[in-house]
Amino acid sequence: MSVPRKTSLALLGISCLILSTGATAGARWDAHHPRRDQVNDRIQRQNHRITHERREGDLTGAQAHALRASDRATLAQERADARTNGGHITKVQQRQLNAELNANSKAIGN
């Protein structure tokens, strides 16, 4: 007994939907991988510090811009590393990213 063509196409569509939903759920989890989360939280905190120091007058506009550009470059590197590692970063990559953030943190000041 054969399955009607419309039924086959409907089952194929449902199967694809289920598979794509599973892939999305995995990608969402990877974005919150502990090592990625730590680096991304640190970048966000540094951005707040830059804003605070700029408002206090401890940084010029050009300094704040350069510091944010450095943090954006670190964020871009984190994303590239995660993309090549299936959604997470390795401990070595985390150490490297934190070293870059340490240098930027010293330039921010308090």
N, C-alpha and C. Protein backbone atom coordinates (compact mmCIF):
# COMPACT_ATOMS: atom_id res chain seq x y z
N MET A 1 0.84 -1.18 0.00
CA MET A 1 0.00 0.00 0.00
C MET A 1 0.89 1.24 0.00
N SER A 2 0.69 2.16 -0.91
CA SER A 2 1.53 3.35 -1.00
C SER A 2 0.86 4.53 -0.30
N VAL A 3 1.71 5.44 0.18
CA VAL A 3 1.23 6.64 0.86
C VAL A 3 0.99 7.72 -0.19
N PRO A 4 -0.13 8.43 -0.13
CA PRO A 4 -0.40 9.47 -1.10
C PRO A 4 0.71 10.53 -1.08
N ARG A 5 0.97 11.13 -2.23
CA ARG A 5 2.05 12.10 -2.40
C ARG A 5 1.91 13.29 -1.44
N LYS A 6 0.71 13.82 -1.26
CA LYS A 6 0.50 14.96 -0.36
C LYS A 6 0.86 14.59 1.07
N THR A 7 0.53 13.39 1.48
CA THR A 7 0.85 12.94 2.83
C THR A 7 2.36 12.81 3.00
N SER A 8 3.04 12.31 1.99
CA SER A 8 4.50 12.18 2.04
C SER A 8 5.17 13.54 2.17
N LEU A 9 4.70 14.50 1.40
CA LEU A 9 5.27 15.85 1.47
C LEU A 9 4.99 16.49 2.83
N ALA A 10 3.81 16.26 3.37
CA ALA A 10 3.48 16.81 4.69
C ALA A 10 4.39 16.21 5.76
N LEU A 11 4.60 14.89 5.70
CA LEU A 11 5.49 14.24 6.67
C LEU A 11 6.93 14.74 6.53
N LEU A 12 7.37 14.95 5.30
CA LEU A 12 8.71 15.47 5.07
C LEU A 12 8.84 16.86 5.67
N GLY A 13 7.82 17.70 5.47
CA GLY A 13 7.84 19.06 6.02
C GLY A 13 7.88 19.06 7.53
N ILE A 14 7.09 18.19 8.14
CA ILE A 14 7.06 18.10 9.61
C ILE A 14 8.42 17.61 10.13
N SER A 15 9.01 16.65 9.46
CA SER A 15 10.33 16.14 9.86
C SER A 15 11.37 17.24 9.81
N CYS A 16 11.36 18.02 8.74
CA CYS A 16 12.32 19.12 8.61
C CYS A 16 12.12 20.15 9.71
N LEU A 17 10.89 20.46 10.03
CA LEU A 17 10.58 21.41 11.08
C LEU A 17 11.10 20.93 12.43
N ILE A 18 10.89 19.66 12.72
CA ILE A 18 11.35 19.10 14.00
C ILE A 18 12.88 19.14 14.07
N LEU A 19 13.55 18.78 12.99
CA LEU A 19 15.01 18.78 12.98
C LEU A 19 15.55 20.19 13.12
N SER A 20 14.97 21.16 12.43
CA SER A 20 15.48 22.53 12.51
C SER A 20 15.23 23.12 13.88
N THR A 21 14.15 22.78 14.54
CA THR A 21 13.86 23.26 15.88
C THR A 21 14.89 22.72 16.86
N GLY A 22 15.27 21.47 16.72
CA GLY A 22 16.29 20.89 17.59
C GLY A 22 17.63 21.57 17.41
N ALA A 23 17.98 21.90 16.18
CA ALA A 23 19.25 22.57 15.91
C ALA A 23 19.25 23.96 16.52
N THR A 24 18.12 24.65 16.47
CA THR A 24 18.03 25.99 17.04
C THR A 24 18.18 25.93 18.55
N ALA A 25 17.58 24.96 19.19
CA ALA A 25 17.69 24.84 20.64
C ALA A 25 19.14 24.61 21.05
N GLY A 26 19.87 23.81 20.30
CA GLY A 26 21.28 23.57 20.60
C GLY A 26 22.10 24.83 20.42
N ALA A 27 21.82 25.59 19.37
CA ALA A 27 22.55 26.83 19.12
C ALA A 27 22.30 27.83 20.25
N ARG A 28 21.06 27.87 20.75
CA ARG A 28 20.74 28.78 21.83
C ARG A 28 21.54 28.42 23.09
N TRP A 29 21.67 27.13 23.37
CA TRP A 29 22.44 26.70 24.54
C TRP A 29 23.90 27.08 24.39
N ASP A 30 24.45 26.89 23.19
CA ASP A 30 25.86 27.19 22.99
C ASP A 30 26.17 28.65 23.21
N ALA A 31 25.23 29.52 22.90
CA ALA A 31 25.46 30.95 23.11
C ALA A 31 25.63 31.26 24.60
N HIS A 32 25.13 30.38 25.45
CA HIS A 32 25.26 30.58 26.89
C HIS A 32 26.22 29.59 27.52
N HIS A 33 27.15 29.09 26.73
CA HIS A 33 28.18 28.20 27.25
C HIS A 33 28.96 28.97 28.32
N PRO A 34 29.31 28.35 29.43
CA PRO A 34 29.94 29.08 30.54
C PRO A 34 31.17 29.90 30.16
N ARG A 35 32.05 29.37 29.31
CA ARG A 35 33.24 30.15 28.94
C ARG A 35 32.87 31.35 28.08
N ARG A 36 31.94 31.15 27.14
CA ARG A 36 31.49 32.27 26.31
C ARG A 36 30.76 33.30 27.17
N ASP A 37 29.93 32.82 28.06
CA ASP A 37 29.16 33.71 28.92
C ASP A 37 30.08 34.58 29.77
N GLN A 38 31.14 33.99 30.31
CA GLN A 38 32.08 34.73 31.14
C GLN A 38 32.75 35.84 30.34
N VAL A 39 33.22 35.53 29.15
CA VAL A 39 33.90 36.53 28.32
C VAL A 39 32.92 37.62 27.90
N ASN A 40 31.73 37.24 27.46
CA ASN A 40 30.75 38.23 27.02
C ASN A 40 30.26 39.11 28.16
N ASP A 41 30.08 38.54 29.36
CA ASP A 41 29.70 39.36 30.52
C ASP A 41 30.80 40.36 30.85
N ARG A 42 32.04 39.92 30.73
CA ARG A 42 33.15 40.81 31.04
C ARG A 42 33.22 41.97 30.04
N ILE A 43 33.00 41.67 28.77
CA ILE A 43 32.99 42.73 27.76
C ILE A 43 31.89 43.74 28.09
N GLN A 44 30.73 43.25 28.48
CA GLN A 44 29.62 44.14 28.81
C GLN A 44 29.95 45.00 30.03
N ARG A 45 30.55 44.41 31.06
CA ARG A 45 30.93 45.19 32.25
C ARG A 45 31.96 46.26 31.89
N GLN A 46 32.92 45.90 31.02
CA GLN A 46 33.92 46.88 30.62
C GLN A 46 33.29 48.03 29.85
N ASN A 47 32.30 47.74 29.04
CA ASN A 47 31.61 48.80 28.31
C ASN A 47 30.94 49.76 29.28
N HIS A 48 30.33 49.23 30.34
CA HIS A 48 29.72 50.08 31.37
C HIS A 48 30.78 50.92 32.08
N ARG A 49 31.93 50.32 32.35
CA ARG A 49 33.01 51.07 32.99
C ARG A 49 33.51 52.20 32.09
N ILE A 50 33.63 51.93 30.80
CA ILE A 50 34.07 52.96 29.86
C ILE A 50 33.07 54.12 29.88
N THR A 51 31.79 53.81 29.85
CA THR A 51 30.75 54.85 29.89
C THR A 51 30.87 55.66 31.17
N HIS A 52 31.04 54.99 32.29
CA HIS A 52 31.16 55.67 33.58
C HIS A 52 32.39 56.58 33.61
N GLU A 53 33.52 56.06 33.20
CA GLU A 53 34.76 56.85 33.21
C GLU A 53 34.67 58.04 32.26
N ARG A 54 33.98 57.86 31.15
CA ARG A 54 33.78 58.97 30.19
C ARG A 54 32.91 60.04 30.82
N ARG A 55 31.84 59.65 31.48
CA ARG A 55 30.95 60.62 32.14
C ARG A 55 31.64 61.35 33.28
N GLU A 56 32.54 60.64 33.95
CA GLU A 56 33.29 61.26 35.05
C GLU A 56 34.38 62.20 34.54
N GLY A 57 34.69 62.10 33.28
CA GLY A 57 35.74 62.95 32.70
C GLY A 57 37.13 62.34 32.77
N ASP A 58 37.22 61.09 33.18
CA ASP A 58 38.52 60.44 33.27
C ASP A 58 39.01 59.92 31.93
N LEU A 59 38.12 59.81 30.95
CA LEU A 59 38.49 59.40 29.59
C LEU A 59 37.98 60.44 28.60
N THR A 60 38.76 60.68 27.57
CA THR A 60 38.29 61.55 26.50
C THR A 60 37.38 60.74 25.57
N GLY A 61 36.70 61.42 24.69
CA GLY A 61 35.85 60.74 23.73
C GLY A 61 36.65 59.81 22.84
N ALA A 62 37.82 60.25 22.43
CA ALA A 62 38.67 59.43 21.57
C ALA A 62 39.17 58.18 22.31
N GLN A 63 39.52 58.35 23.58
CA GLN A 63 39.96 57.20 24.37
C GLN A 63 38.83 56.19 24.54
N ALA A 64 37.65 56.68 24.85
CA ALA A 64 36.50 55.79 25.02
C ALA A 64 36.21 55.05 23.72
N HIS A 65 36.28 55.77 22.61
CA HIS A 65 36.04 55.15 21.30
C HIS A 65 37.06 54.04 21.03
N ALA A 66 38.33 54.31 21.30
CA ALA A 66 39.38 53.31 21.07
C ALA A 66 39.21 52.09 21.97
N LEU A 67 38.83 52.32 23.22
CA LEU A 67 38.63 51.21 24.15
C LEU A 67 37.44 50.34 23.73
N ARG A 68 36.37 50.99 23.28
CA ARG A 68 35.21 50.22 22.81
C ARG A 68 35.56 49.45 21.54
N ALA A 69 36.35 50.05 20.67
CA ALA A 69 36.77 49.35 19.44
C ALA A 69 37.58 48.12 19.79
N SER A 70 38.43 48.23 20.79
CA SER A 70 39.23 47.08 21.22
C SER A 70 38.33 45.97 21.77
N ASP A 71 37.34 46.36 22.58
CA ASP A 71 36.40 45.36 23.11
C ASP A 71 35.57 44.72 22.00
N ARG A 72 35.18 45.51 21.00
CA ARG A 72 34.43 44.95 19.86
C ARG A 72 35.29 43.95 19.09
N ALA A 73 36.58 44.24 18.96
CA ALA A 73 37.47 43.31 18.28
C ALA A 73 37.59 42.00 19.07
N THR A 74 37.65 42.11 20.39
CA THR A 74 37.70 40.91 21.24
C THR A 74 36.40 40.12 21.10
N LEU A 75 35.26 40.82 21.06
CA LEU A 75 33.97 40.15 20.89
C LEU A 75 33.91 39.45 19.53
N ALA A 76 34.41 40.10 18.49
CA ALA A 76 34.42 39.49 17.16
C ALA A 76 35.29 38.23 17.16
N GLN A 77 36.41 38.27 17.86
CA GLN A 77 37.29 37.11 17.95
C GLN A 77 36.60 35.98 18.71
N GLU A 78 35.89 36.31 19.79
CA GLU A 78 35.16 35.31 20.56
C GLU A 78 34.12 34.61 19.68
N ARG A 79 33.40 35.40 18.89
CA ARG A 79 32.38 34.83 18.01
C ARG A 79 33.01 33.95 16.93
N ALA A 80 34.12 34.39 16.38
CA ALA A 80 34.80 33.59 15.35
C ALA A 80 35.30 32.28 15.95
N ASP A 81 35.87 32.35 17.15
CA ASP A 81 36.35 31.13 17.82
C ASP A 81 35.18 30.17 18.06
N ALA A 82 34.06 30.69 18.53
CA ALA A 82 32.90 29.85 18.80
C ALA A 82 32.36 29.23 17.52
N ARG A 83 32.37 30.00 16.45
CA ARG A 83 31.87 29.48 15.18
C ARG A 83 32.71 28.30 14.70
N THR A 84 34.02 28.36 14.91
CA THR A 84 34.88 27.27 14.46
C THR A 84 34.87 26.07 15.40
N ASN A 85 34.35 26.25 16.62
CA ASN A 85 34.34 25.17 17.60
C ASN A 85 32.94 24.65 17.91
N GLY A 86 32.02 24.82 17.02
CA GLY A 86 30.69 24.28 17.24
C GLY A 86 29.88 25.00 18.30
N GLY A 87 30.14 26.29 18.51
CA GLY A 87 29.32 27.07 19.42
C GLY A 87 29.92 27.32 20.79
N HIS A 88 31.13 26.87 21.03
CA HIS A 88 31.76 27.15 22.32
C HIS A 88 33.20 27.58 22.08
N ILE A 89 33.88 28.04 23.13
CA ILE A 89 35.30 28.38 23.02
C ILE A 89 36.07 27.47 23.97
N THR A 90 37.32 27.22 23.62
CA THR A 90 38.16 26.35 24.43
C THR A 90 38.73 27.15 25.61
N LYS A 91 39.31 26.44 26.58
CA LYS A 91 39.93 27.11 27.72
C LYS A 91 41.09 27.99 27.28
N VAL A 92 41.86 27.52 26.30
CA VAL A 92 42.99 28.30 25.79
C VAL A 92 42.49 29.59 25.13
N GLN A 93 41.42 29.48 24.35
CA GLN A 93 40.85 30.66 23.71
C GLN A 93 40.29 31.63 24.76
N GLN A 94 39.67 31.09 25.79
CA GLN A 94 39.15 31.94 26.86
C GLN A 94 40.29 32.70 27.54
N ARG A 95 41.40 32.00 27.80
CA ARG A 95 42.56 32.66 28.42
C ARG A 95 43.09 33.78 27.54
N GLN A 96 43.18 33.53 26.23
CA GLN A 96 43.67 34.54 25.30
C GLN A 96 42.74 35.76 25.28
N LEU A 97 41.44 35.51 25.20
CA LEU A 97 40.47 36.60 25.19
C LEU A 97 40.53 37.40 26.50
N ASN A 98 40.67 36.71 27.63
CA ASN A 98 40.77 37.41 28.91
C ASN A 98 42.05 38.22 29.01
N ALA A 99 43.13 37.75 28.41
CA ALA A 99 44.38 38.52 28.40
C ALA A 99 44.17 39.83 27.63
N GLU A 100 43.46 39.76 26.51
CA GLU A 100 43.16 40.98 25.75
C GLU A 100 42.29 41.92 26.57
N LEU A 101 41.31 41.34 27.26
CA LEU A 101 40.43 42.16 28.10
C LEU A 101 41.17 42.75 29.29
N ASN A 102 42.16 42.03 29.83
CA ASN A 102 42.97 42.56 30.93
C ASN A 102 43.71 43.82 30.50
N ALA A 103 44.30 43.78 29.32
CA ALA A 103 45.03 44.94 28.82
C ALA A 103 44.09 46.13 28.65
N ASN A 104 42.93 45.88 28.12
CA ASN A 104 41.95 46.96 27.93
C ASN A 104 41.45 47.47 29.28
N SER A 105 41.28 46.57 30.24
CA SER A 105 40.79 46.95 31.55
C SER A 105 41.77 47.92 32.24
N LYS A 106 43.06 47.65 32.10
CA LYS A 106 44.06 48.55 32.70
C LYS A 106 44.00 49.93 32.08
N ALA A 107 43.71 49.98 30.78
CA ALA A 107 43.61 51.28 30.10
C ALA A 107 42.36 52.05 30.52
N ILE A 108 41.32 51.33 30.93
CA ILE A 108 40.08 52.00 31.36
C ILE A 108 40.32 52.73 32.68
N GLY A 109 41.04 52.10 33.57
CA GLY A 109 41.29 52.73 34.88
C GLY A 109 40.45 52.09 35.95
N ASN A 110 39.96 52.95 36.88
CA ASN A 110 39.21 52.47 38.03
C ASN A 110 38.13 51.57 37.59
